[in-house]
Amino acid sequence: DVFQSREEDDRKVRRREKNRVAAQRSRKKQTQKADKLHEEYESLEQENTSLKREIGKLTDEMKHLSEVLKDHEKICPLLHCTMNFVAIPRPDALASCLPR
């Protein structure tokens, strides 16, 4: 029975070693996954900041263009024409509205 007991002890040692290695592998995999998620988070944060900056620039541009349009509408002969519902405006009237 000493032989059988020794075999059981050897099996326990092998099982513990196998379990230890598996646990190590699992912890390493979890760490790698956490690192990858952190990198992805950082990348998304940078992209978000960049997109917010772009939104700010586009909002400013939209405000500027709205002001330009509002100023232009005051002097646009096409808008003051009683026939402004005509589908094809006169080329000479259009030319005065186009930027030079």
N, C-alpha and C. Protein backbone atom coordinates (compact mmCIF):
# COMPACT_ATOMS: atom_id res chain seq x y z
N ASP A 1 0.80 -1.20 0.00
CA ASP A 1 0.00 0.00 0.00
C ASP A 1 0.84 1.27 0.00
N VAL A 2 2.10 1.11 0.40
CA VAL A 2 3.01 2.26 0.37
C VAL A 2 3.19 2.70 -1.08
N PHE A 3 3.27 1.75 -1.97
CA PHE A 3 3.43 2.05 -3.40
C PHE A 3 2.22 2.83 -3.93
N GLN A 4 1.03 2.38 -3.54
CA GLN A 4 -0.19 3.04 -3.99
C GLN A 4 -0.29 4.45 -3.42
N SER A 5 0.07 4.60 -2.17
CA SER A 5 0.06 5.91 -1.52
C SER A 5 1.03 6.87 -2.21
N ARG A 6 2.19 6.33 -2.58
CA ARG A 6 3.19 7.16 -3.27
C ARG A 6 2.67 7.61 -4.64
N GLU A 7 1.97 6.69 -5.37
CA GLU A 7 1.39 7.04 -6.66
C GLU A 7 0.35 8.15 -6.51
N GLU A 8 -0.47 8.04 -5.46
CA GLU A 8 -1.48 9.06 -5.21
C GLU A 8 -0.81 10.41 -4.91
N ASP A 9 0.23 10.38 -4.12
CA ASP A 9 0.96 11.62 -3.81
C ASP A 9 1.55 12.23 -5.08
N ASP A 10 2.14 11.38 -5.93
CA ASP A 10 2.70 11.87 -7.19
C ASP A 10 1.60 12.49 -8.07
N ARG A 11 0.44 11.83 -8.10
CA ARG A 11 -0.68 12.36 -8.89
C ARG A 11 -1.13 13.72 -8.34
N LYS A 12 -1.18 13.82 -7.02
CA LYS A 12 -1.58 15.09 -6.40
C LYS A 12 -0.58 16.20 -6.74
N VAL A 13 0.69 15.86 -6.69
CA VAL A 13 1.73 16.85 -7.00
C VAL A 13 1.61 17.28 -8.46
N ARG A 14 1.44 16.29 -9.36
CA ARG A 14 1.29 16.63 -10.79
C ARG A 14 0.04 17.48 -11.02
N ARG A 15 -1.05 17.09 -10.34
CA ARG A 15 -2.31 17.84 -10.50
C ARG A 15 -2.14 19.27 -9.99
N ARG A 16 -1.50 19.44 -8.84
CA ARG A 16 -1.25 20.79 -8.29
C ARG A 16 -0.40 21.62 -9.23
N GLU A 17 0.66 20.99 -9.78
CA GLU A 17 1.55 21.69 -10.71
C GLU A 17 0.78 22.10 -11.98
N LYS A 18 -0.02 21.16 -12.47
CA LYS A 18 -0.80 21.44 -13.67
C LYS A 18 -1.79 22.59 -13.38
N ASN A 19 -2.42 22.55 -12.22
CA ASN A 19 -3.37 23.59 -11.82
C ASN A 19 -2.66 24.94 -11.65
N ARG A 20 -1.47 24.92 -11.06
CA ARG A 20 -0.69 26.15 -10.85
C ARG A 20 -0.35 26.79 -12.20
N VAL A 21 0.08 25.97 -13.16
CA VAL A 21 0.43 26.47 -14.49
C VAL A 21 -0.81 27.03 -15.19
N ALA A 22 -1.94 26.32 -15.05
CA ALA A 22 -3.18 26.77 -15.68
C ALA A 22 -3.62 28.10 -15.06
N ALA A 23 -3.50 28.24 -13.75
CA ALA A 23 -3.88 29.48 -13.07
C ALA A 23 -2.97 30.63 -13.52
N GLN A 24 -1.68 30.34 -13.64
CA GLN A 24 -0.72 31.35 -14.13
C GLN A 24 -1.10 31.82 -15.54
N ARG A 25 -1.41 30.84 -16.39
CA ARG A 25 -1.79 31.14 -17.77
C ARG A 25 -3.07 31.99 -17.80
N SER A 26 -4.03 31.64 -16.95
CA SER A 26 -5.29 32.37 -16.88
C SER A 26 -5.07 33.81 -16.40
N ARG A 27 -4.23 33.99 -15.37
CA ARG A 27 -3.94 35.35 -14.88
C ARG A 27 -3.24 36.18 -15.94
N LYS A 28 -2.32 35.55 -16.68
CA LYS A 28 -1.60 36.26 -17.74
C LYS A 28 -2.58 36.69 -18.84
N LYS A 29 -3.50 35.79 -19.19
CA LYS A 29 -4.49 36.08 -20.22
C LYS A 29 -5.39 37.25 -19.77
N GLN A 30 -5.81 37.23 -18.50
CA GLN A 30 -6.64 38.31 -17.96
C GLN A 30 -5.89 39.64 -17.99
N THR A 31 -4.63 39.62 -17.64
CA THR A 31 -3.81 40.83 -17.65
C THR A 31 -3.68 41.37 -19.07
N GLN A 32 -3.42 40.47 -20.02
CA GLN A 32 -3.32 40.90 -21.42
C GLN A 32 -4.63 41.50 -21.91
N LYS A 33 -5.74 40.89 -21.52
CA LYS A 33 -7.06 41.40 -21.93
C LYS A 33 -7.28 42.79 -21.32
N ALA A 34 -6.93 42.96 -20.05
CA ALA A 34 -7.09 44.26 -19.39
C ALA A 34 -6.20 45.32 -20.05
N ASP A 35 -4.98 44.93 -20.40
CA ASP A 35 -4.07 45.87 -21.09
C ASP A 35 -4.64 46.28 -22.44
N LYS A 36 -5.18 45.33 -23.16
CA LYS A 36 -5.76 45.61 -24.48
C LYS A 36 -6.95 46.56 -24.33
N LEU A 37 -7.81 46.29 -23.35
CA LEU A 37 -8.97 47.16 -23.11
C LEU A 37 -8.53 48.57 -22.73
N HIS A 38 -7.48 48.67 -21.93
CA HIS A 38 -6.97 49.99 -21.53
C HIS A 38 -6.44 50.75 -22.74
N GLU A 39 -5.72 50.07 -23.60
CA GLU A 39 -5.21 50.71 -24.83
C GLU A 39 -6.36 51.18 -25.71
N GLU A 40 -7.39 50.33 -25.83
CA GLU A 40 -8.55 50.69 -26.64
C GLU A 40 -9.27 51.89 -26.03
N TYR A 41 -9.37 51.92 -24.71
CA TYR A 41 -9.99 53.04 -24.00
C TYR A 41 -9.23 54.33 -24.29
N GLU A 42 -7.91 54.28 -24.16
CA GLU A 42 -7.08 55.47 -24.42
C GLU A 42 -7.27 55.95 -25.85
N SER A 43 -7.30 55.03 -26.78
CA SER A 43 -7.47 55.38 -28.20
C SER A 43 -8.83 56.04 -28.43
N LEU A 44 -9.88 55.47 -27.83
CA LEU A 44 -11.22 56.03 -27.99
C LEU A 44 -11.33 57.41 -27.33
N GLU A 45 -10.66 57.59 -26.20
CA GLU A 45 -10.65 58.90 -25.54
C GLU A 45 -10.00 59.95 -26.44
N GLN A 46 -8.89 59.58 -27.06
CA GLN A 46 -8.22 60.52 -27.98
C GLN A 46 -9.12 60.84 -29.17
N GLU A 47 -9.75 59.82 -29.73
CA GLU A 47 -10.65 60.03 -30.86
C GLU A 47 -11.82 60.92 -30.46
N ASN A 48 -12.37 60.69 -29.26
CA ASN A 48 -13.48 61.48 -28.75
C ASN A 48 -13.07 62.95 -28.61
N THR A 49 -11.91 63.19 -28.06
CA THR A 49 -11.40 64.56 -27.90
C THR A 49 -11.24 65.22 -29.26
N SER A 50 -10.69 64.48 -30.21
CA SER A 50 -10.50 65.01 -31.56
C SER A 50 -11.84 65.33 -32.21
N LEU A 51 -12.81 64.46 -32.05
CA LEU A 51 -14.13 64.69 -32.64
C LEU A 51 -14.83 65.89 -31.98
N LYS A 52 -14.65 66.06 -30.69
CA LYS A 52 -15.23 67.21 -30.00
C LYS A 52 -14.62 68.51 -30.53
N ARG A 53 -13.31 68.49 -30.77
CA ARG A 53 -12.65 69.67 -31.35
C ARG A 53 -13.22 69.96 -32.73
N GLU A 54 -13.39 68.90 -33.52
CA GLU A 54 -13.93 69.07 -34.87
C GLU A 54 -15.35 69.62 -34.81
N ILE A 55 -16.16 69.13 -33.88
CA ILE A 55 -17.53 69.64 -33.71
C ILE A 55 -17.48 71.13 -33.39
N GLY A 56 -16.56 71.53 -32.51
CA GLY A 56 -16.41 72.95 -32.16
C GLY A 56 -16.07 73.79 -33.38
N LYS A 57 -15.11 73.31 -34.17
CA LYS A 57 -14.71 74.05 -35.38
C LYS A 57 -15.86 74.16 -36.36
N LEU A 58 -16.57 73.04 -36.58
CA LEU A 58 -17.69 73.04 -37.52
C LEU A 58 -18.84 73.93 -37.03
N THR A 59 -19.06 73.95 -35.73
CA THR A 59 -20.10 74.81 -35.16
C THR A 59 -19.74 76.28 -35.39
N ASP A 60 -18.47 76.62 -35.15
CA ASP A 60 -18.01 77.99 -35.40
C ASP A 60 -18.18 78.35 -36.88
N GLU A 61 -17.80 77.43 -37.76
CA GLU A 61 -17.92 77.68 -39.20
C GLU A 61 -19.39 77.87 -39.59
N MET A 62 -20.27 77.05 -39.01
CA MET A 62 -21.68 77.15 -39.31
C MET A 62 -22.24 78.51 -38.86
N LYS A 63 -21.83 78.96 -37.67
CA LYS A 63 -22.27 80.27 -37.17
C LYS A 63 -21.79 81.37 -38.12
N HIS A 64 -20.54 81.29 -38.52
CA HIS A 64 -19.97 82.29 -39.43
C HIS A 64 -20.73 82.30 -40.75
N LEU A 65 -20.94 81.12 -41.33
CA LEU A 65 -21.63 81.04 -42.62
C LEU A 65 -23.09 81.49 -42.50
N SER A 66 -23.71 81.22 -41.37
CA SER A 66 -25.08 81.69 -41.16
C SER A 66 -25.13 83.21 -41.13
N GLU A 67 -24.14 83.83 -40.49
CA GLU A 67 -24.06 85.30 -40.47
C GLU A 67 -23.82 85.86 -41.87
N VAL A 68 -22.92 85.22 -42.62
CA VAL A 68 -22.64 85.66 -43.98
C VAL A 68 -23.91 85.56 -44.82
N LEU A 69 -24.64 84.46 -44.67
CA LEU A 69 -25.88 84.28 -45.42
C LEU A 69 -26.91 85.33 -45.03
N LYS A 70 -27.04 85.58 -43.72
CA LYS A 70 -28.00 86.57 -43.25
C LYS A 70 -27.67 87.96 -43.82
N ASP A 71 -26.38 88.30 -43.82
CA ASP A 71 -25.96 89.58 -44.39
C ASP A 71 -26.24 89.63 -45.90
N HIS A 72 -25.99 88.51 -46.57
CA HIS A 72 -26.20 88.45 -48.02
C HIS A 72 -27.68 88.55 -48.38
N GLU A 73 -28.52 87.91 -47.56
CA GLU A 73 -29.96 87.92 -47.85
C GLU A 73 -30.50 89.35 -47.90
N LYS A 74 -29.91 90.27 -47.13
CA LYS A 74 -30.36 91.65 -47.09
C LYS A 74 -30.17 92.35 -48.44
N ILE A 75 -29.15 91.93 -49.19
CA ILE A 75 -28.83 92.62 -50.45
C ILE A 75 -29.03 91.76 -51.70
N CYS A 76 -29.50 90.56 -51.56
CA CYS A 76 -29.62 89.63 -52.69
C CYS A 76 -30.79 90.01 -53.59
N PRO A 77 -30.51 90.33 -54.86
CA PRO A 77 -31.59 90.71 -55.77
C PRO A 77 -32.54 89.54 -56.06
N LEU A 78 -32.08 88.33 -55.94
CA LEU A 78 -32.97 87.18 -56.19
C LEU A 78 -34.06 87.08 -55.13
N LEU A 79 -33.74 87.44 -53.90
CA LEU A 79 -34.72 87.36 -52.83
C LEU A 79 -35.70 88.53 -52.88
N HIS A 80 -35.30 89.64 -53.48
CA HIS A 80 -36.16 90.81 -53.56
C HIS A 80 -37.00 90.84 -54.82
N CYS A 81 -36.74 89.96 -55.74
CA CYS A 81 -37.47 89.90 -57.01
C CYS A 81 -38.89 89.39 -56.76
N THR A 82 -39.88 90.02 -57.36
CA THR A 82 -41.27 89.57 -57.19
C THR A 82 -41.50 88.24 -57.89
N MET A 83 -40.59 87.86 -58.76
CA MET A 83 -40.71 86.61 -59.50
C MET A 83 -39.73 85.56 -58.94
N ASN A 84 -39.45 85.61 -57.65
CA ASN A 84 -38.44 84.70 -57.11
C ASN A 84 -38.88 83.24 -57.10
N PHE A 85 -40.12 82.95 -57.48
CA PHE A 85 -40.56 81.56 -57.56
C PHE A 85 -40.23 80.93 -58.90
N VAL A 86 -39.68 81.70 -59.83
CA VAL A 86 -39.33 81.17 -61.14
C VAL A 86 -38.16 80.19 -60.97
N ALA A 87 -38.26 79.04 -61.63
CA ALA A 87 -37.28 77.97 -61.45
C ALA A 87 -35.89 78.36 -61.94
N ILE A 88 -35.79 79.09 -63.07
CA ILE A 88 -34.49 79.43 -63.63
C ILE A 88 -34.30 80.95 -63.54
N PRO A 89 -33.47 81.40 -62.57
CA PRO A 89 -33.27 82.85 -62.44
C PRO A 89 -32.43 83.39 -63.60
N ARG A 90 -32.54 84.71 -63.78
CA ARG A 90 -31.76 85.37 -64.84
C ARG A 90 -30.27 85.25 -64.51
N PRO A 91 -29.43 84.94 -65.49
CA PRO A 91 -27.98 84.80 -65.24
C PRO A 91 -27.35 86.08 -64.71
N ASP A 92 -27.80 87.26 -65.18
CA ASP A 92 -27.20 88.50 -64.71
C ASP A 92 -27.53 88.74 -63.23
N ALA A 93 -28.71 88.35 -62.79
CA ALA A 93 -29.08 88.50 -61.37
C ALA A 93 -28.28 87.52 -60.52
N LEU A 94 -28.08 86.34 -61.04
CA LEU A 94 -27.28 85.35 -60.33
C LEU A 94 -25.85 85.79 -60.20
N ALA A 95 -25.30 86.36 -61.23
CA ALA A 95 -23.90 86.77 -61.22
C ALA A 95 -23.62 87.78 -60.13
N SER A 96 -24.57 88.65 -59.84
CA SER A 96 -24.32 89.66 -58.82
C SER A 96 -24.31 89.04 -57.41
N CYS A 97 -24.85 87.86 -57.25
CA CYS A 97 -24.87 87.20 -55.94
C CYS A 97 -23.66 86.31 -55.70
N LEU A 98 -23.00 85.93 -56.77
CA LEU A 98 -21.89 84.98 -56.64
C LEU A 98 -20.64 85.71 -56.14
N PRO A 99 -19.83 85.03 -55.34
CA PRO A 99 -18.59 85.66 -54.85
C PRO A 99 -17.64 85.95 -55.99
N ARG A 100 -16.91 87.03 -55.85
CA ARG A 100 -15.97 87.43 -56.91
C ARG A 100 -14.58 86.95 -56.61
